[in-house]
Amino acid sequence: MEKYPKHVKLKSGEQITLRLFSSDDLELLVDFYASLPEKDRMFLRIDVLKRENIVARYGNPNYDHIFPVIALHKNKIVGEGTLFRAEFGWMRNLGELRCVVSDTYRRKGLCTILVRELFLRAVSTDLYKIQAAVMEDQISAIAAFKRMGFKQEALLKKHVTDVQGKRHNLVILNLDIEELWYIMEDFNQGKSYVV
C-alpha cells in the first residue's frame, strides 16, 4: 500500500494533500460530487446527485478492487481518482482509471498527479494493462493520459449518451504495463528500443 497522506504542489503553487479514501470521507465525497457542474457530471457513470449511488460504490471499499485516492485542499475534496478492477473473470488483469477534478483545480496538474498515483498502484499489482475511457470532447483529459504514456486504441462512434440525451464518441486509451516493464528491462541492460 502506498504511503499516505502525501503532500504535493500544483503548478499554481498550491499545496494539496493526497490520501486513500476511507468510508469516513463519504460526506466529503458527496459534497464534492454535488459541487460539480452538470457539464462535468454528464461524463460520470453513475448519478452522483443520488447519495445512495455514492454509498453503493464507495461506502465500503475493497482496496484490491477499488482503489480511490482523494485530493484535499483545506479539508475539502477537490479531486478524486480511482483504479477499478474486476474481482473475477477474463478482465481481472485490466485496471480502469477514472479521474474527476473540480473546475477550480483544472489545468494545474492535479489530474496528472492523480493518474500517476493510480499508475503506481497498478504497477504494484498483477495488472497487465490499465485503461481509461473518456468522451472525445474531454480534450485535456486525453492529453493528460497521453503525457503519461497511454495510447489511443479505439474511437467508438456515438457510443455514449450524456444526461441530456446527446450522443458522443468514446475514446479508449490503454497503457500496457507488461510492455512498459520490457522497455525498462531493455533500458537497464543498455538495449535500444523503438516505440
N, C-alpha and C. Protein backbone atom coordinates (compact mmCIF):
# COMPACT_ATOMS: atom_id res chain seq x y z
N MET A 1 0.85 -1.18 0.00
CA MET A 1 0.00 0.00 0.00
C MET A 1 0.89 1.24 0.00
N GLU A 2 0.60 2.17 -0.89
CA GLU A 2 1.36 3.40 -0.96
C GLU A 2 1.22 4.15 0.36
N LYS A 3 2.23 4.99 0.67
CA LYS A 3 2.21 5.72 1.93
C LYS A 3 1.42 7.00 1.78
N TYR A 4 0.35 7.09 2.54
CA TYR A 4 -0.49 8.28 2.55
C TYR A 4 -0.63 8.74 3.99
N PRO A 5 -0.86 10.03 4.20
CA PRO A 5 -1.08 11.08 3.20
C PRO A 5 0.22 11.52 2.54
N LYS A 6 0.06 12.10 1.34
CA LYS A 6 1.17 12.71 0.60
C LYS A 6 0.81 14.17 0.37
N HIS A 7 1.82 15.01 0.39
CA HIS A 7 1.60 16.43 0.13
C HIS A 7 2.29 16.77 -1.19
N VAL A 8 1.52 17.34 -2.11
CA VAL A 8 2.05 17.67 -3.43
C VAL A 8 1.78 19.15 -3.72
N LYS A 9 2.57 19.68 -4.63
CA LYS A 9 2.40 21.08 -5.03
C LYS A 9 1.93 21.12 -6.48
N LEU A 10 0.89 21.90 -6.73
CA LEU A 10 0.36 22.06 -8.08
C LEU A 10 1.18 23.10 -8.84
N LYS A 11 0.93 23.19 -10.15
CA LYS A 11 1.61 24.21 -10.98
C LYS A 11 1.38 25.60 -10.44
N SER A 12 0.23 25.82 -9.80
CA SER A 12 -0.15 27.13 -9.26
C SER A 12 0.58 27.42 -7.95
N GLY A 13 1.27 26.42 -7.40
CA GLY A 13 1.96 26.59 -6.13
C GLY A 13 1.14 26.14 -4.93
N GLU A 14 -0.13 25.83 -5.15
CA GLU A 14 -1.00 25.40 -4.04
C GLU A 14 -0.59 24.01 -3.55
N GLN A 15 -0.68 23.84 -2.24
CA GLN A 15 -0.38 22.54 -1.63
C GLN A 15 -1.66 21.72 -1.55
N ILE A 16 -1.58 20.48 -1.97
CA ILE A 16 -2.72 19.57 -1.95
C ILE A 16 -2.30 18.32 -1.17
N THR A 17 -3.22 17.78 -0.41
CA THR A 17 -2.97 16.53 0.30
C THR A 17 -3.67 15.39 -0.44
N LEU A 18 -2.93 14.33 -0.69
CA LEU A 18 -3.49 13.12 -1.30
C LEU A 18 -3.57 12.06 -0.23
N ARG A 19 -4.69 11.37 -0.21
CA ARG A 19 -4.79 10.23 0.68
C ARG A 19 -5.81 9.24 0.16
N LEU A 20 -5.70 8.05 0.67
CA LEU A 20 -6.61 6.99 0.29
C LEU A 20 -7.98 7.30 0.89
N PHE A 21 -9.01 7.20 0.07
CA PHE A 21 -10.37 7.42 0.54
C PHE A 21 -10.74 6.35 1.55
N SER A 22 -11.42 6.76 2.61
CA SER A 22 -11.99 5.79 3.56
C SER A 22 -13.46 6.10 3.72
N SER A 23 -14.20 5.18 4.29
CA SER A 23 -15.65 5.39 4.45
C SER A 23 -15.95 6.61 5.32
N ASP A 24 -14.99 7.06 6.13
CA ASP A 24 -15.16 8.29 6.92
C ASP A 24 -15.25 9.53 6.04
N ASP A 25 -14.77 9.42 4.80
CA ASP A 25 -14.76 10.56 3.87
C ASP A 25 -16.02 10.64 3.02
N LEU A 26 -16.99 9.79 3.29
CA LEU A 26 -18.17 9.69 2.44
C LEU A 26 -18.90 11.02 2.26
N GLU A 27 -19.12 11.74 3.36
CA GLU A 27 -19.85 13.02 3.26
C GLU A 27 -19.05 14.05 2.47
N LEU A 28 -17.72 14.04 2.62
CA LEU A 28 -16.87 14.93 1.82
C LEU A 28 -17.01 14.62 0.34
N LEU A 29 -17.09 13.33 0.01
CA LEU A 29 -17.22 12.92 -1.39
C LEU A 29 -18.59 13.29 -1.94
N VAL A 30 -19.63 13.11 -1.14
CA VAL A 30 -20.98 13.51 -1.56
C VAL A 30 -20.99 15.00 -1.86
N ASP A 31 -20.37 15.81 -0.98
CA ASP A 31 -20.31 17.27 -1.20
C ASP A 31 -19.52 17.62 -2.45
N PHE A 32 -18.41 16.90 -2.68
CA PHE A 32 -17.59 17.15 -3.86
C PHE A 32 -18.39 16.91 -5.13
N TYR A 33 -19.05 15.76 -5.21
CA TYR A 33 -19.82 15.46 -6.41
C TYR A 33 -20.99 16.41 -6.59
N ALA A 34 -21.62 16.82 -5.49
CA ALA A 34 -22.74 17.76 -5.58
C ALA A 34 -22.28 19.12 -6.10
N SER A 35 -21.01 19.46 -5.87
CA SER A 35 -20.48 20.77 -6.29
C SER A 35 -20.11 20.81 -7.77
N LEU A 36 -20.07 19.65 -8.43
CA LEU A 36 -19.68 19.62 -9.84
C LEU A 36 -20.79 20.19 -10.71
N PRO A 37 -20.43 20.99 -11.70
CA PRO A 37 -21.45 21.48 -12.63
C PRO A 37 -21.98 20.33 -13.49
N GLU A 38 -23.16 20.53 -14.06
CA GLU A 38 -23.80 19.48 -14.86
C GLU A 38 -22.92 19.03 -16.01
N LYS A 39 -22.18 19.96 -16.64
CA LYS A 39 -21.33 19.60 -17.77
C LYS A 39 -20.26 18.58 -17.38
N ASP A 40 -19.86 18.57 -16.11
CA ASP A 40 -18.89 17.59 -15.62
C ASP A 40 -19.56 16.29 -15.21
N ARG A 41 -20.73 16.40 -14.60
CA ARG A 41 -21.45 15.20 -14.14
C ARG A 41 -21.90 14.34 -15.31
N MET A 42 -22.08 14.95 -16.48
CA MET A 42 -22.56 14.16 -17.62
C MET A 42 -21.54 13.13 -18.09
N PHE A 43 -20.28 13.26 -17.68
CA PHE A 43 -19.25 12.31 -18.08
C PHE A 43 -19.14 11.13 -17.10
N LEU A 44 -19.88 11.17 -16.00
CA LEU A 44 -19.76 10.14 -14.97
C LEU A 44 -20.69 8.97 -15.25
N ARG A 45 -20.37 7.82 -14.70
CA ARG A 45 -21.13 6.60 -14.99
C ARG A 45 -22.30 6.36 -14.05
N ILE A 46 -22.32 7.08 -12.94
CA ILE A 46 -23.46 6.96 -12.02
C ILE A 46 -23.99 8.36 -11.75
N ASP A 47 -25.24 8.42 -11.32
CA ASP A 47 -25.84 9.69 -10.94
C ASP A 47 -25.34 10.04 -9.55
N VAL A 48 -24.37 10.94 -9.49
CA VAL A 48 -23.73 11.28 -8.21
C VAL A 48 -24.57 12.24 -7.38
N LEU A 49 -25.68 12.70 -7.91
CA LEU A 49 -26.58 13.53 -7.10
C LEU A 49 -27.45 12.66 -6.19
N LYS A 50 -27.44 11.36 -6.45
CA LYS A 50 -28.14 10.42 -5.57
C LYS A 50 -27.13 9.82 -4.61
N ARG A 51 -27.25 10.19 -3.36
CA ARG A 51 -26.30 9.76 -2.32
C ARG A 51 -26.15 8.24 -2.29
N GLU A 52 -27.26 7.51 -2.50
CA GLU A 52 -27.20 6.05 -2.41
C GLU A 52 -26.28 5.45 -3.47
N ASN A 53 -26.12 6.12 -4.61
CA ASN A 53 -25.20 5.63 -5.64
C ASN A 53 -23.75 5.76 -5.18
N ILE A 54 -23.43 6.86 -4.51
CA ILE A 54 -22.07 7.06 -4.00
C ILE A 54 -21.79 6.06 -2.88
N VAL A 55 -22.78 5.86 -2.00
CA VAL A 55 -22.62 4.89 -0.91
C VAL A 55 -22.41 3.49 -1.47
N ALA A 56 -23.17 3.12 -2.50
CA ALA A 56 -23.04 1.78 -3.09
C ALA A 56 -21.65 1.55 -3.67
N ARG A 57 -21.09 2.58 -4.29
CA ARG A 57 -19.79 2.42 -4.93
C ARG A 57 -18.62 2.58 -3.96
N TYR A 58 -18.71 3.55 -3.06
CA TYR A 58 -17.56 3.89 -2.21
C TYR A 58 -17.76 3.61 -0.73
N GLY A 59 -18.95 3.18 -0.33
CA GLY A 59 -19.26 3.06 1.09
C GLY A 59 -18.37 2.13 1.88
N ASN A 60 -17.94 1.06 1.26
CA ASN A 60 -17.10 0.07 1.95
C ASN A 60 -16.07 -0.46 0.96
N PRO A 61 -15.08 0.37 0.59
CA PRO A 61 -14.18 -0.03 -0.49
C PRO A 61 -13.28 -1.22 -0.16
N ASN A 62 -13.19 -2.14 -1.10
CA ASN A 62 -12.23 -3.23 -1.05
C ASN A 62 -11.05 -2.75 -1.90
N TYR A 63 -9.95 -2.36 -1.27
CA TYR A 63 -8.84 -1.70 -1.97
C TYR A 63 -8.17 -2.59 -3.02
N ASP A 64 -8.43 -3.89 -2.99
CA ASP A 64 -7.89 -4.75 -4.04
C ASP A 64 -8.65 -4.56 -5.35
N HIS A 65 -9.89 -4.08 -5.27
CA HIS A 65 -10.72 -3.97 -6.47
C HIS A 65 -11.19 -2.55 -6.77
N ILE A 66 -11.16 -1.70 -5.78
CA ILE A 66 -11.47 -0.29 -5.99
C ILE A 66 -10.50 0.50 -5.12
N PHE A 67 -9.65 1.28 -5.78
CA PHE A 67 -8.58 1.99 -5.09
C PHE A 67 -8.77 3.49 -5.32
N PRO A 68 -9.55 4.17 -4.44
CA PRO A 68 -9.83 5.59 -4.63
C PRO A 68 -8.85 6.48 -3.86
N VAL A 69 -8.29 7.43 -4.57
CA VAL A 69 -7.39 8.43 -3.96
C VAL A 69 -8.08 9.78 -4.04
N ILE A 70 -8.13 10.49 -2.92
CA ILE A 70 -8.76 11.81 -2.92
C ILE A 70 -7.69 12.89 -2.77
N ALA A 71 -7.97 14.04 -3.37
CA ALA A 71 -7.10 15.21 -3.26
C ALA A 71 -7.86 16.24 -2.44
N LEU A 72 -7.22 16.73 -1.38
CA LEU A 72 -7.88 17.67 -0.47
C LEU A 72 -7.14 19.00 -0.40
N HIS A 73 -7.91 20.06 -0.30
CA HIS A 73 -7.38 21.39 -0.02
C HIS A 73 -8.27 21.99 1.07
N LYS A 74 -7.67 22.32 2.19
CA LYS A 74 -8.41 22.86 3.33
C LYS A 74 -9.58 21.97 3.71
N ASN A 75 -9.31 20.69 3.86
CA ASN A 75 -10.30 19.69 4.30
C ASN A 75 -11.51 19.56 3.38
N LYS A 76 -11.32 19.87 2.12
CA LYS A 76 -12.39 19.76 1.13
C LYS A 76 -11.83 18.97 -0.05
N ILE A 77 -12.59 18.00 -0.55
CA ILE A 77 -12.14 17.22 -1.70
C ILE A 77 -12.22 18.10 -2.95
N VAL A 78 -11.10 18.16 -3.69
CA VAL A 78 -11.04 18.94 -4.93
C VAL A 78 -10.77 18.04 -6.14
N GLY A 79 -10.52 16.77 -5.87
CA GLY A 79 -10.29 15.82 -6.95
C GLY A 79 -10.34 14.40 -6.41
N GLU A 80 -10.70 13.48 -7.30
CA GLU A 80 -10.78 12.08 -6.90
C GLU A 80 -10.39 11.22 -8.09
N GLY A 81 -9.52 10.26 -7.85
CA GLY A 81 -9.13 9.32 -8.89
C GLY A 81 -9.26 7.91 -8.36
N THR A 82 -9.75 7.00 -9.19
CA THR A 82 -9.97 5.63 -8.74
C THR A 82 -9.45 4.64 -9.78
N LEU A 83 -8.81 3.60 -9.29
CA LEU A 83 -8.41 2.46 -10.09
C LEU A 83 -9.40 1.33 -9.79
N PHE A 84 -10.15 0.94 -10.81
CA PHE A 84 -11.12 -0.15 -10.68
C PHE A 84 -10.56 -1.40 -11.35
N ARG A 85 -10.88 -2.57 -10.79
CA ARG A 85 -10.55 -3.83 -11.44
C ARG A 85 -11.59 -4.87 -11.10
N ALA A 86 -11.81 -5.77 -12.04
CA ALA A 86 -12.81 -6.83 -11.83
C ALA A 86 -12.32 -7.79 -10.74
N GLU A 87 -13.27 -8.31 -9.98
CA GLU A 87 -12.91 -9.27 -8.93
C GLU A 87 -12.66 -10.65 -9.51
N PHE A 88 -13.25 -10.91 -10.68
CA PHE A 88 -13.16 -12.25 -11.25
C PHE A 88 -13.37 -12.13 -12.75
N GLY A 89 -12.87 -13.10 -13.49
CA GLY A 89 -13.19 -13.18 -14.91
C GLY A 89 -12.04 -12.84 -15.82
N TRP A 90 -12.36 -12.80 -17.08
CA TRP A 90 -11.34 -12.66 -18.11
C TRP A 90 -10.69 -11.27 -18.16
N MET A 91 -11.27 -10.28 -17.49
CA MET A 91 -10.67 -8.95 -17.48
C MET A 91 -10.12 -8.58 -16.10
N ARG A 92 -9.82 -9.60 -15.29
CA ARG A 92 -9.34 -9.35 -13.93
C ARG A 92 -7.94 -8.73 -13.90
N ASN A 93 -7.20 -8.81 -15.00
CA ASN A 93 -5.87 -8.21 -15.06
C ASN A 93 -5.86 -6.87 -15.78
N LEU A 94 -7.05 -6.30 -15.99
CA LEU A 94 -7.18 -4.99 -16.60
C LEU A 94 -7.70 -4.03 -15.54
N GLY A 95 -7.00 -2.92 -15.37
CA GLY A 95 -7.46 -1.89 -14.44
C GLY A 95 -8.02 -0.72 -15.23
N GLU A 96 -9.05 -0.09 -14.69
CA GLU A 96 -9.61 1.08 -15.35
C GLU A 96 -9.44 2.30 -14.45
N LEU A 97 -8.89 3.35 -15.02
CA LEU A 97 -8.68 4.59 -14.28
C LEU A 97 -9.81 5.57 -14.55
N ARG A 98 -10.26 6.22 -13.49
CA ARG A 98 -11.22 7.31 -13.63
C ARG A 98 -10.78 8.45 -12.73
N CYS A 99 -10.90 9.65 -13.24
CA CYS A 99 -10.41 10.82 -12.51
C CYS A 99 -11.38 11.97 -12.69
N VAL A 100 -11.72 12.65 -11.59
CA VAL A 100 -12.61 13.81 -11.62
C VAL A 100 -11.94 14.90 -10.79
N VAL A 101 -11.84 16.08 -11.39
CA VAL A 101 -11.21 17.22 -10.71
C VAL A 101 -12.17 18.41 -10.77
N SER A 102 -12.30 19.13 -9.66
CA SER A 102 -13.19 20.29 -9.64
C SER A 102 -12.69 21.35 -10.63
N ASP A 103 -13.63 22.12 -11.12
CA ASP A 103 -13.34 23.16 -12.12
C ASP A 103 -12.20 24.07 -11.70
N THR A 104 -12.17 24.45 -10.44
CA THR A 104 -11.17 25.39 -9.91
C THR A 104 -9.75 24.83 -9.98
N TYR A 105 -9.62 23.51 -9.99
CA TYR A 105 -8.29 22.90 -9.94
C TYR A 105 -7.87 22.27 -11.26
N ARG A 106 -8.55 22.60 -12.32
CA ARG A 106 -8.17 22.09 -13.64
C ARG A 106 -6.99 22.88 -14.19
N ARG A 107 -6.25 22.24 -15.08
CA ARG A 107 -5.10 22.85 -15.75
C ARG A 107 -4.00 23.27 -14.76
N LYS A 108 -4.00 22.61 -13.61
CA LYS A 108 -2.97 22.87 -12.60
C LYS A 108 -2.12 21.64 -12.35
N GLY A 109 -2.40 20.57 -13.10
CA GLY A 109 -1.63 19.34 -12.97
C GLY A 109 -2.21 18.32 -12.00
N LEU A 110 -3.38 18.61 -11.41
CA LEU A 110 -3.94 17.69 -10.42
C LEU A 110 -4.37 16.37 -11.03
N CYS A 111 -5.00 16.40 -12.19
CA CYS A 111 -5.41 15.15 -12.84
C CYS A 111 -4.19 14.28 -13.14
N THR A 112 -3.13 14.88 -13.64
CA THR A 112 -1.91 14.12 -13.93
C THR A 112 -1.34 13.51 -12.66
N ILE A 113 -1.37 14.25 -11.56
CA ILE A 113 -0.86 13.74 -10.28
C ILE A 113 -1.70 12.55 -9.82
N LEU A 114 -3.02 12.66 -9.92
CA LEU A 114 -3.89 11.56 -9.51
C LEU A 114 -3.68 10.32 -10.40
N VAL A 115 -3.58 10.54 -11.70
CA VAL A 115 -3.34 9.41 -12.61
C VAL A 115 -2.01 8.75 -12.28
N ARG A 116 -1.00 9.54 -11.97
CA ARG A 116 0.32 8.98 -11.61
C ARG A 116 0.21 8.11 -10.35
N GLU A 117 -0.56 8.57 -9.36
CA GLU A 117 -0.77 7.78 -8.14
C GLU A 117 -1.42 6.43 -8.46
N LEU A 118 -2.43 6.47 -9.31
CA LEU A 118 -3.14 5.25 -9.67
C LEU A 118 -2.25 4.33 -10.50
N PHE A 119 -1.42 4.93 -11.36
CA PHE A 119 -0.47 4.15 -12.15
C PHE A 119 0.51 3.42 -11.22
N LEU A 120 1.03 4.13 -10.20
CA LEU A 120 1.96 3.50 -9.26
C LEU A 120 1.29 2.34 -8.53
N ARG A 121 0.03 2.50 -8.21
CA ARG A 121 -0.71 1.40 -7.59
C ARG A 121 -0.83 0.22 -8.56
N ALA A 122 -1.18 0.53 -9.81
CA ALA A 122 -1.39 -0.52 -10.81
C ALA A 122 -0.13 -1.35 -11.02
N VAL A 123 1.04 -0.70 -11.10
CA VAL A 123 2.27 -1.46 -11.36
C VAL A 123 2.70 -2.28 -10.15
N SER A 124 2.13 -2.01 -8.98
CA SER A 124 2.47 -2.81 -7.80
C SER A 124 1.55 -4.02 -7.65
N THR A 125 0.67 -4.22 -8.62
CA THR A 125 -0.27 -5.34 -8.58
C THR A 125 0.03 -6.28 -9.74
N ASP A 126 -0.88 -7.21 -9.98
CA ASP A 126 -0.72 -8.15 -11.10
C ASP A 126 -1.48 -7.69 -12.35
N LEU A 127 -1.81 -6.40 -12.43
CA LEU A 127 -2.47 -5.88 -13.62
C LEU A 127 -1.49 -5.87 -14.79
N TYR A 128 -1.97 -6.23 -15.98
CA TYR A 128 -1.15 -6.21 -17.18
C TYR A 128 -1.36 -4.93 -17.98
N LYS A 129 -2.55 -4.36 -17.84
CA LYS A 129 -2.89 -3.21 -18.65
C LYS A 129 -3.82 -2.31 -17.86
N ILE A 130 -3.66 -0.99 -18.07
CA ILE A 130 -4.61 -0.05 -17.48
C ILE A 130 -5.25 0.75 -18.60
N GLN A 131 -6.52 1.09 -18.37
CA GLN A 131 -7.32 1.69 -19.42
C GLN A 131 -8.05 2.91 -18.89
N ALA A 132 -8.28 3.85 -19.79
CA ALA A 132 -9.13 5.00 -19.49
C ALA A 132 -10.10 5.15 -20.65
N ALA A 133 -11.35 5.40 -20.34
CA ALA A 133 -12.37 5.63 -21.36
C ALA A 133 -12.93 7.03 -21.14
N VAL A 134 -12.76 7.90 -22.12
CA VAL A 134 -13.23 9.29 -21.98
C VAL A 134 -13.95 9.71 -23.25
N MET A 135 -14.86 10.65 -23.08
CA MET A 135 -15.54 11.18 -24.27
C MET A 135 -14.55 12.00 -25.08
N GLU A 136 -14.73 11.98 -26.38
CA GLU A 136 -13.82 12.67 -27.29
C GLU A 136 -13.73 14.16 -26.98
N ASP A 137 -14.79 14.73 -26.40
CA ASP A 137 -14.81 16.16 -26.05
C ASP A 137 -13.86 16.50 -24.90
N GLN A 138 -13.45 15.51 -24.12
CA GLN A 138 -12.60 15.75 -22.96
C GLN A 138 -11.13 15.84 -23.39
N ILE A 139 -10.82 16.89 -24.10
CA ILE A 139 -9.51 17.05 -24.74
C ILE A 139 -8.38 17.11 -23.71
N SER A 140 -8.57 17.85 -22.62
CA SER A 140 -7.49 17.98 -21.63
C SER A 140 -7.24 16.65 -20.91
N ALA A 141 -8.30 15.86 -20.67
CA ALA A 141 -8.13 14.55 -20.03
C ALA A 141 -7.36 13.61 -20.96
N ILE A 142 -7.69 13.63 -22.23
CA ILE A 142 -6.99 12.79 -23.21
C ILE A 142 -5.51 13.17 -23.26
N ALA A 143 -5.23 14.47 -23.27
CA ALA A 143 -3.84 14.96 -23.30
C ALA A 143 -3.09 14.51 -22.06
N ALA A 144 -3.74 14.57 -20.89
CA ALA A 144 -3.08 14.16 -19.64
C ALA A 144 -2.72 12.68 -19.69
N PHE A 145 -3.63 11.84 -20.18
CA PHE A 145 -3.34 10.41 -20.27
C PHE A 145 -2.22 10.15 -21.27
N LYS A 146 -2.22 10.84 -22.39
CA LYS A 146 -1.16 10.64 -23.39
C LYS A 146 0.21 11.06 -22.86
N ARG A 147 0.24 12.11 -22.04
CA ARG A 147 1.51 12.53 -21.43
C ARG A 147 2.07 11.44 -20.52
N MET A 148 1.16 10.63 -19.97
CA MET A 148 1.58 9.54 -19.07
C MET A 148 1.97 8.28 -19.84
N GLY A 149 1.86 8.31 -21.17
CA GLY A 149 2.25 7.15 -21.98
C GLY A 149 1.10 6.31 -22.48
N PHE A 150 -0.13 6.72 -22.19
CA PHE A 150 -1.28 6.00 -22.72
C PHE A 150 -1.38 6.22 -24.22
N LYS A 151 -1.87 5.20 -24.92
CA LYS A 151 -2.06 5.30 -26.36
C LYS A 151 -3.53 5.05 -26.68
N GLN A 152 -4.02 5.81 -27.65
CA GLN A 152 -5.40 5.61 -28.06
C GLN A 152 -5.50 4.30 -28.82
N GLU A 153 -6.39 3.42 -28.36
CA GLU A 153 -6.57 2.13 -29.02
C GLU A 153 -7.86 2.07 -29.83
N ALA A 154 -8.83 2.92 -29.46
CA ALA A 154 -10.10 2.85 -30.18
C ALA A 154 -10.85 4.17 -30.06
N LEU A 155 -11.65 4.44 -31.09
CA LEU A 155 -12.60 5.54 -31.07
C LEU A 155 -13.95 4.91 -31.43
N LEU A 156 -14.84 4.88 -30.47
CA LEU A 156 -16.15 4.26 -30.67
C LEU A 156 -17.16 5.37 -30.97
N LYS A 157 -17.65 5.38 -32.19
CA LYS A 157 -18.54 6.45 -32.66
C LYS A 157 -19.91 6.37 -31.98
N LYS A 158 -20.37 7.54 -31.53
CA LYS A 158 -21.69 7.69 -30.90
C LYS A 158 -21.97 6.56 -29.90
N HIS A 159 -21.00 6.29 -29.06
CA HIS A 159 -21.05 5.12 -28.17
C HIS A 159 -21.70 5.41 -26.82
N VAL A 160 -21.64 6.67 -26.37
CA VAL A 160 -22.18 7.02 -25.06
C VAL A 160 -23.19 8.16 -25.20
N THR A 161 -24.11 8.20 -24.25
CA THR A 161 -25.16 9.21 -24.26
C THR A 161 -25.08 10.00 -22.96
N ASP A 162 -25.03 11.34 -23.06
CA ASP A 162 -24.94 12.15 -21.84
C ASP A 162 -26.32 12.30 -21.20
N VAL A 163 -26.38 13.00 -20.06
CA VAL A 163 -27.62 13.12 -19.31
C VAL A 163 -28.70 13.89 -20.08
N GLN A 164 -28.31 14.64 -21.10
CA GLN A 164 -29.27 15.39 -21.91
C GLN A 164 -29.71 14.61 -23.15
N GLY A 165 -29.21 13.38 -23.30
CA GLY A 165 -29.60 12.55 -24.42
C GLY A 165 -28.74 12.72 -25.66
N LYS A 166 -27.69 13.55 -25.58
CA LYS A 166 -26.81 13.76 -26.72
C LYS A 166 -25.77 12.64 -26.78
N ARG A 167 -25.54 12.12 -27.99
CA ARG A 167 -24.58 11.02 -28.16
C ARG A 167 -23.18 11.57 -28.42
N HIS A 168 -22.17 10.85 -27.90
CA HIS A 168 -20.77 11.27 -28.02
C HIS A 168 -19.90 10.09 -28.43
N ASN A 169 -18.77 10.42 -29.04
CA ASN A 169 -17.76 9.42 -29.34
C ASN A 169 -16.98 9.11 -28.07
N LEU A 170 -16.58 7.86 -27.91
CA LEU A 170 -15.81 7.43 -26.75
C LEU A 170 -14.41 7.04 -27.18
N VAL A 171 -13.42 7.58 -26.49
CA VAL A 171 -12.01 7.28 -26.77
C VAL A 171 -11.53 6.29 -25.72
N ILE A 172 -10.93 5.19 -26.16
CA ILE A 172 -10.34 4.19 -25.26
C ILE A 172 -8.82 4.35 -25.34
N LEU A 173 -8.21 4.64 -24.19
CA LEU A 173 -6.76 4.79 -24.09
C LEU A 173 -6.22 3.69 -23.19
N ASN A 174 -5.11 3.09 -23.58
CA ASN A 174 -4.53 1.99 -22.81
C ASN A 174 -3.04 2.21 -22.58
N LEU A 175 -2.59 1.66 -21.48
CA LEU A 175 -1.16 1.60 -21.18
C LEU A 175 -0.86 0.15 -20.83
N ASP A 176 0.00 -0.47 -21.61
CA ASP A 176 0.36 -1.86 -21.40
C ASP A 176 1.52 -1.92 -20.40
N ILE A 177 1.22 -2.31 -19.17
CA ILE A 177 2.22 -2.34 -18.10
C ILE A 177 3.31 -3.36 -18.40
N GLU A 178 2.91 -4.51 -18.91
CA GLU A 178 3.88 -5.56 -19.24
C GLU A 178 4.88 -5.06 -20.28
N GLU A 179 4.38 -4.38 -21.31
CA GLU A 179 5.25 -3.82 -22.34
C GLU A 179 6.20 -2.77 -21.74
N LEU A 180 5.67 -1.98 -20.82
CA LEU A 180 6.48 -0.96 -20.15
C LEU A 180 7.62 -1.60 -19.36
N TRP A 181 7.32 -2.72 -18.67
CA TRP A 181 8.38 -3.43 -17.93
C TRP A 181 9.47 -3.93 -18.87
N TYR A 182 9.08 -4.45 -20.06
CA TYR A 182 10.07 -4.92 -21.02
C TYR A 182 10.97 -3.77 -21.48
N ILE A 183 10.36 -2.62 -21.74
CA ILE A 183 11.15 -1.45 -22.16
C ILE A 183 12.14 -1.06 -21.06
N MET A 184 11.68 -1.07 -19.81
CA MET A 184 12.56 -0.70 -18.69
C MET A 184 13.69 -1.70 -18.52
N GLU A 185 13.39 -3.00 -18.68
CA GLU A 185 14.43 -4.02 -18.57
C GLU A 185 15.47 -3.84 -19.67
N ASP A 186 14.99 -3.59 -20.90
CA ASP A 186 15.92 -3.36 -22.01
C ASP A 186 16.78 -2.12 -21.76
N PHE A 187 16.15 -1.08 -21.22
CA PHE A 187 16.88 0.16 -20.93
C PHE A 187 17.96 -0.11 -19.89
N ASN A 188 17.63 -0.87 -18.85
CA ASN A 188 18.60 -1.17 -17.80
C ASN A 188 19.75 -2.03 -18.32
N GLN A 189 19.48 -2.84 -19.37
CA GLN A 189 20.52 -3.69 -19.94
C GLN A 189 21.26 -3.00 -21.10
N GLY A 190 20.90 -1.73 -21.35
CA GLY A 190 21.59 -0.97 -22.39
C GLY A 190 21.10 -1.23 -23.80
N LYS A 191 19.96 -1.92 -23.94
CA LYS A 191 19.42 -2.20 -25.27
C LYS A 191 18.63 -0.99 -25.75
N SER A 192 18.67 -0.79 -27.06
CA SER A 192 17.85 0.27 -27.64
C SER A 192 16.48 -0.29 -27.97
N TYR A 193 15.48 0.54 -27.87
CA TYR A 193 14.10 0.10 -28.09
C TYR A 193 13.37 1.18 -28.85
N VAL A 194 12.70 0.79 -29.92
CA VAL A 194 11.95 1.73 -30.72
C VAL A 194 10.47 1.57 -30.38
N VAL A 195 9.83 2.68 -30.03
CA VAL A 195 8.41 2.64 -29.69
C VAL A 195 7.60 3.04 -30.90
